N, C-alpha and C. Protein backbone atom coordinates (compact mmCIF):
# COMPACT_ATOMS: atom_id res chain seq x y z
N MET A 1 11.08 22.97 -5.19
CA MET A 1 12.19 23.90 -5.21
C MET A 1 12.19 24.74 -3.95
N TYR A 2 11.08 25.37 -3.65
CA TYR A 2 11.02 26.21 -2.46
C TYR A 2 10.68 25.41 -1.20
N PHE A 3 10.09 24.26 -1.40
CA PHE A 3 9.55 23.50 -0.27
C PHE A 3 10.36 22.24 0.04
N ASN A 4 11.62 22.20 -0.35
CA ASN A 4 12.43 21.00 -0.12
C ASN A 4 12.54 20.67 1.35
N MET A 5 12.74 21.66 2.19
CA MET A 5 12.87 21.43 3.62
C MET A 5 11.55 20.90 4.21
N THR A 6 10.44 21.45 3.75
CA THR A 6 9.14 21.00 4.23
C THR A 6 8.86 19.57 3.79
N LYS A 7 9.23 19.24 2.54
CA LYS A 7 9.05 17.87 2.07
C LYS A 7 9.90 16.90 2.88
N THR A 8 11.14 17.27 3.13
CA THR A 8 12.03 16.42 3.92
C THR A 8 11.46 16.20 5.31
N PHE A 9 10.98 17.26 5.92
CA PHE A 9 10.38 17.16 7.25
C PHE A 9 9.14 16.27 7.22
N SER A 10 8.35 16.37 6.16
CA SER A 10 7.16 15.54 6.04
C SER A 10 7.52 14.06 5.91
N TYR A 11 8.52 13.78 5.09
CA TYR A 11 8.95 12.39 4.94
C TYR A 11 9.51 11.85 6.26
N LEU A 12 10.23 12.67 6.99
CA LEU A 12 10.74 12.25 8.30
C LEU A 12 9.59 11.98 9.27
N MET A 13 8.54 12.78 9.19
CA MET A 13 7.37 12.54 10.05
C MET A 13 6.73 11.20 9.71
N ILE A 14 6.63 10.89 8.44
CA ILE A 14 6.02 9.62 8.03
C ILE A 14 6.87 8.45 8.51
N VAL A 15 8.19 8.56 8.34
CA VAL A 15 9.08 7.48 8.78
C VAL A 15 9.01 7.32 10.29
N ALA A 16 9.01 8.42 11.02
CA ALA A 16 8.91 8.35 12.49
C ALA A 16 7.57 7.73 12.90
N GLY A 17 6.52 8.07 12.19
CA GLY A 17 5.21 7.48 12.48
C GLY A 17 5.20 5.98 12.26
N ILE A 18 5.81 5.54 11.18
CA ILE A 18 5.87 4.11 10.90
C ILE A 18 6.69 3.40 11.96
N LEU A 19 7.80 4.03 12.38
CA LEU A 19 8.61 3.43 13.43
C LEU A 19 7.84 3.34 14.75
N LEU A 20 7.07 4.36 15.07
CA LEU A 20 6.26 4.31 16.29
C LEU A 20 5.18 3.23 16.22
N ILE A 21 4.58 3.08 15.06
CA ILE A 21 3.59 2.01 14.89
C ILE A 21 4.26 0.66 15.09
N GLY A 22 5.43 0.49 14.48
CA GLY A 22 6.16 -0.77 14.65
C GLY A 22 6.56 -1.03 16.08
N LEU A 23 7.00 0.01 16.77
CA LEU A 23 7.38 -0.13 18.17
C LEU A 23 6.17 -0.48 19.04
N GLY A 24 5.05 0.13 18.75
CA GLY A 24 3.83 -0.17 19.49
C GLY A 24 3.35 -1.59 19.26
N LEU A 25 3.45 -2.05 18.01
CA LEU A 25 3.04 -3.42 17.71
C LEU A 25 4.04 -4.42 18.28
N TRP A 26 5.30 -4.03 18.38
CA TRP A 26 6.30 -4.90 18.98
C TRP A 26 6.01 -5.13 20.46
N GLN A 27 5.35 -4.21 21.10
CA GLN A 27 4.99 -4.36 22.50
C GLN A 27 4.02 -5.52 22.72
N TYR A 28 3.33 -5.94 21.65
CA TYR A 28 2.39 -7.06 21.76
C TYR A 28 3.09 -8.42 21.72
N MET A 29 4.39 -8.42 21.43
CA MET A 29 5.13 -9.70 21.41
C MET A 29 5.14 -10.29 22.82
N PRO A 30 5.00 -11.59 22.93
CA PRO A 30 4.98 -12.22 24.26
C PRO A 30 6.30 -12.03 24.99
N LYS A 31 6.21 -11.73 26.25
CA LYS A 31 7.37 -11.52 27.10
C LYS A 31 7.17 -12.32 28.38
N SER A 32 8.26 -12.68 28.98
CA SER A 32 8.14 -13.40 30.26
C SER A 32 8.39 -12.44 31.41
N PHE A 33 7.59 -12.55 32.42
CA PHE A 33 7.72 -11.72 33.61
C PHE A 33 7.77 -12.62 34.83
N SER A 34 8.43 -12.13 35.83
CA SER A 34 8.43 -12.89 37.09
C SER A 34 7.18 -12.53 37.88
N SER A 35 6.90 -13.30 38.88
CA SER A 35 5.69 -13.07 39.65
C SER A 35 5.77 -11.81 40.51
N ASP A 36 6.97 -11.31 40.77
CA ASP A 36 7.07 -10.10 41.58
C ASP A 36 7.31 -8.85 40.73
N THR A 37 6.89 -8.88 39.46
CA THR A 37 6.96 -7.70 38.61
C THR A 37 5.90 -6.71 39.07
N PRO A 38 6.29 -5.45 39.29
CA PRO A 38 5.30 -4.47 39.78
C PRO A 38 4.21 -4.18 38.75
N ASP A 39 3.08 -3.75 39.25
CA ASP A 39 1.95 -3.42 38.38
C ASP A 39 2.28 -2.24 37.46
N SER A 40 3.15 -1.36 37.90
CA SER A 40 3.50 -0.21 37.08
C SER A 40 4.17 -0.66 35.77
N GLU A 41 4.89 -1.76 35.81
CA GLU A 41 5.51 -2.29 34.59
C GLU A 41 4.44 -2.75 33.60
N PHE A 42 3.42 -3.41 34.08
CA PHE A 42 2.33 -3.84 33.21
C PHE A 42 1.55 -2.64 32.67
N MET A 43 1.36 -1.64 33.50
CA MET A 43 0.67 -0.42 33.04
C MET A 43 1.50 0.29 31.97
N SER A 44 2.81 0.31 32.15
CA SER A 44 3.69 0.94 31.17
C SER A 44 3.61 0.21 29.83
N ILE A 45 3.62 -1.10 29.85
CA ILE A 45 3.55 -1.88 28.61
C ILE A 45 2.19 -1.67 27.93
N THR A 46 1.13 -1.67 28.71
CA THR A 46 -0.20 -1.46 28.15
C THR A 46 -0.31 -0.07 27.53
N THR A 47 0.25 0.91 28.21
CA THR A 47 0.23 2.28 27.68
C THR A 47 1.00 2.35 26.37
N LYS A 48 2.16 1.73 26.31
CA LYS A 48 2.96 1.73 25.08
C LYS A 48 2.22 1.02 23.95
N ARG A 49 1.50 -0.03 24.28
CA ARG A 49 0.75 -0.76 23.26
C ARG A 49 -0.32 0.09 22.62
N VAL A 50 -0.87 1.00 23.38
CA VAL A 50 -1.96 1.83 22.88
C VAL A 50 -1.45 3.14 22.29
N ILE A 51 -0.58 3.82 23.02
CA ILE A 51 -0.15 5.17 22.65
C ILE A 51 0.77 5.19 21.42
N PHE A 52 1.75 4.29 21.37
CA PHE A 52 2.70 4.33 20.25
C PHE A 52 2.03 4.16 18.89
N PRO A 53 1.17 3.17 18.70
CA PRO A 53 0.52 3.07 17.38
C PRO A 53 -0.38 4.26 17.05
N ILE A 54 -1.06 4.79 18.05
CA ILE A 54 -1.93 5.95 17.80
C ILE A 54 -1.10 7.16 17.41
N LEU A 55 -0.03 7.43 18.15
CA LEU A 55 0.84 8.56 17.81
C LEU A 55 1.50 8.37 16.45
N GLY A 56 1.91 7.14 16.16
CA GLY A 56 2.50 6.85 14.86
C GLY A 56 1.53 7.10 13.72
N LEU A 57 0.31 6.68 13.90
CA LEU A 57 -0.71 6.89 12.88
C LEU A 57 -0.98 8.38 12.68
N ILE A 58 -1.10 9.10 13.77
CA ILE A 58 -1.34 10.55 13.69
C ILE A 58 -0.18 11.25 13.00
N LEU A 59 1.04 10.90 13.38
CA LEU A 59 2.23 11.52 12.79
C LEU A 59 2.32 11.21 11.30
N SER A 60 2.04 9.98 10.92
CA SER A 60 2.07 9.61 9.50
C SER A 60 1.00 10.36 8.71
N LEU A 61 -0.19 10.47 9.27
CA LEU A 61 -1.26 11.19 8.58
C LEU A 61 -0.95 12.67 8.41
N ILE A 62 -0.37 13.28 9.44
CA ILE A 62 0.01 14.68 9.33
C ILE A 62 1.09 14.86 8.27
N GLY A 63 2.08 13.98 8.25
CA GLY A 63 3.13 14.06 7.23
C GLY A 63 2.59 13.89 5.83
N TYR A 64 1.69 12.92 5.65
CA TYR A 64 1.08 12.69 4.33
C TYR A 64 0.25 13.90 3.90
N THR A 65 -0.51 14.45 4.82
CA THR A 65 -1.33 15.62 4.50
C THR A 65 -0.45 16.82 4.14
N LEU A 66 0.64 16.99 4.85
CA LEU A 66 1.56 18.09 4.56
C LEU A 66 2.19 17.93 3.19
N ILE A 67 2.56 16.71 2.82
CA ILE A 67 3.12 16.48 1.49
C ILE A 67 2.10 16.80 0.40
N ARG A 68 0.86 16.36 0.59
CA ARG A 68 -0.18 16.67 -0.39
C ARG A 68 -0.41 18.17 -0.50
N PHE A 69 -0.39 18.87 0.63
CA PHE A 69 -0.58 20.32 0.63
C PHE A 69 0.56 21.00 -0.14
N VAL A 70 1.78 20.57 0.10
CA VAL A 70 2.94 21.16 -0.58
C VAL A 70 2.83 20.92 -2.09
N ARG A 71 2.42 19.73 -2.49
CA ARG A 71 2.26 19.45 -3.92
C ARG A 71 1.21 20.35 -4.55
N GLU A 72 0.11 20.55 -3.86
CA GLU A 72 -0.94 21.43 -4.38
C GLU A 72 -0.43 22.87 -4.51
N VAL A 73 0.30 23.32 -3.51
CA VAL A 73 0.83 24.69 -3.56
C VAL A 73 1.84 24.83 -4.70
N GLU A 74 2.70 23.82 -4.88
CA GLU A 74 3.67 23.88 -5.97
C GLU A 74 2.96 23.91 -7.33
N ASP A 75 1.92 23.11 -7.50
CA ASP A 75 1.17 23.14 -8.76
C ASP A 75 0.53 24.50 -8.99
N GLU A 76 -0.01 25.06 -7.94
CA GLU A 76 -0.65 26.38 -8.06
C GLU A 76 0.38 27.46 -8.40
N VAL A 77 1.54 27.39 -7.78
CA VAL A 77 2.60 28.36 -8.06
C VAL A 77 3.04 28.24 -9.52
N LYS A 78 3.17 27.00 -9.99
CA LYS A 78 3.58 26.78 -11.37
C LYS A 78 2.56 27.35 -12.35
N SER A 79 1.29 27.11 -12.09
CA SER A 79 0.26 27.63 -12.99
C SER A 79 0.20 29.16 -12.94
N LEU A 80 0.41 29.74 -11.75
CA LEU A 80 0.44 31.20 -11.65
C LEU A 80 1.62 31.80 -12.41
N ARG A 81 2.76 31.14 -12.36
CA ARG A 81 3.91 31.64 -13.11
C ARG A 81 3.65 31.59 -14.61
N ASN A 82 3.04 30.50 -15.07
CA ASN A 82 2.71 30.42 -16.49
C ASN A 82 1.73 31.51 -16.89
N GLU A 83 0.75 31.74 -16.06
CA GLU A 83 -0.24 32.77 -16.35
C GLU A 83 0.40 34.16 -16.37
N ILE A 84 1.29 34.41 -15.44
CA ILE A 84 1.97 35.71 -15.40
C ILE A 84 2.84 35.90 -16.63
N SER A 85 3.53 34.84 -17.06
CA SER A 85 4.37 34.98 -18.26
C SER A 85 3.52 35.23 -19.50
N LEU A 86 2.36 34.58 -19.59
CA LEU A 86 1.47 34.83 -20.73
C LEU A 86 0.94 36.26 -20.71
N LEU A 87 0.58 36.74 -19.53
CA LEU A 87 0.11 38.13 -19.42
C LEU A 87 1.23 39.13 -19.75
N ALA A 88 2.44 38.81 -19.34
CA ALA A 88 3.57 39.70 -19.66
C ALA A 88 3.81 39.74 -21.16
N GLN A 89 3.67 38.61 -21.84
CA GLN A 89 3.81 38.60 -23.29
C GLN A 89 2.72 39.41 -23.97
N LYS A 90 1.49 39.32 -23.47
CA LYS A 90 0.39 40.09 -24.04
C LYS A 90 0.63 41.58 -23.85
N VAL A 91 1.08 41.96 -22.68
CA VAL A 91 1.36 43.37 -22.41
C VAL A 91 2.47 43.88 -23.31
N GLU A 92 3.49 43.05 -23.49
CA GLU A 92 4.60 43.44 -24.35
C GLU A 92 4.14 43.63 -25.79
N LYS A 93 3.27 42.75 -26.29
CA LYS A 93 2.73 42.88 -27.63
C LYS A 93 1.89 44.15 -27.77
N ASN A 94 1.09 44.44 -26.74
CA ASN A 94 0.24 45.63 -26.79
C ASN A 94 1.07 46.91 -26.76
N THR A 95 2.14 46.92 -26.00
CA THR A 95 2.99 48.13 -25.95
C THR A 95 3.73 48.31 -27.27
N GLU A 96 4.10 47.21 -27.95
CA GLU A 96 4.75 47.34 -29.24
C GLU A 96 3.77 47.87 -30.29
N LYS A 97 2.51 47.43 -30.21
CA LYS A 97 1.49 47.90 -31.15
C LYS A 97 1.20 49.38 -30.92
N SER A 98 1.19 49.80 -29.68
CA SER A 98 0.87 51.21 -29.40
C SER A 98 2.02 52.13 -29.79
N ARG A 99 3.24 51.65 -29.82
CA ARG A 99 4.39 52.46 -30.22
C ARG A 99 4.39 52.65 -31.75
N ASN A 100 3.88 51.67 -32.47
CA ASN A 100 3.90 51.75 -33.95
C ASN A 100 2.73 52.49 -34.45
């Protein structure tokens, strides 16, 4: 209820991470190059092969951890509300007894 935006952001992080992993793995697909392709092109492909999957994994893990954290906080908030309502009922009963 309170954390809908955070949950949405977390799910988007997970999806973006999966897309980055897929993009990084796609870089491993065989490609044809001409003999006069500069070395910087090969370095760029190698960098993408390594960086994209790592960033995707990190982003997915952060999103998953954030979702778990939000669930724990929501459960704790729910239990605190129940406890507060029980305490309020006890106080109300005690004030009625003291009036009589």
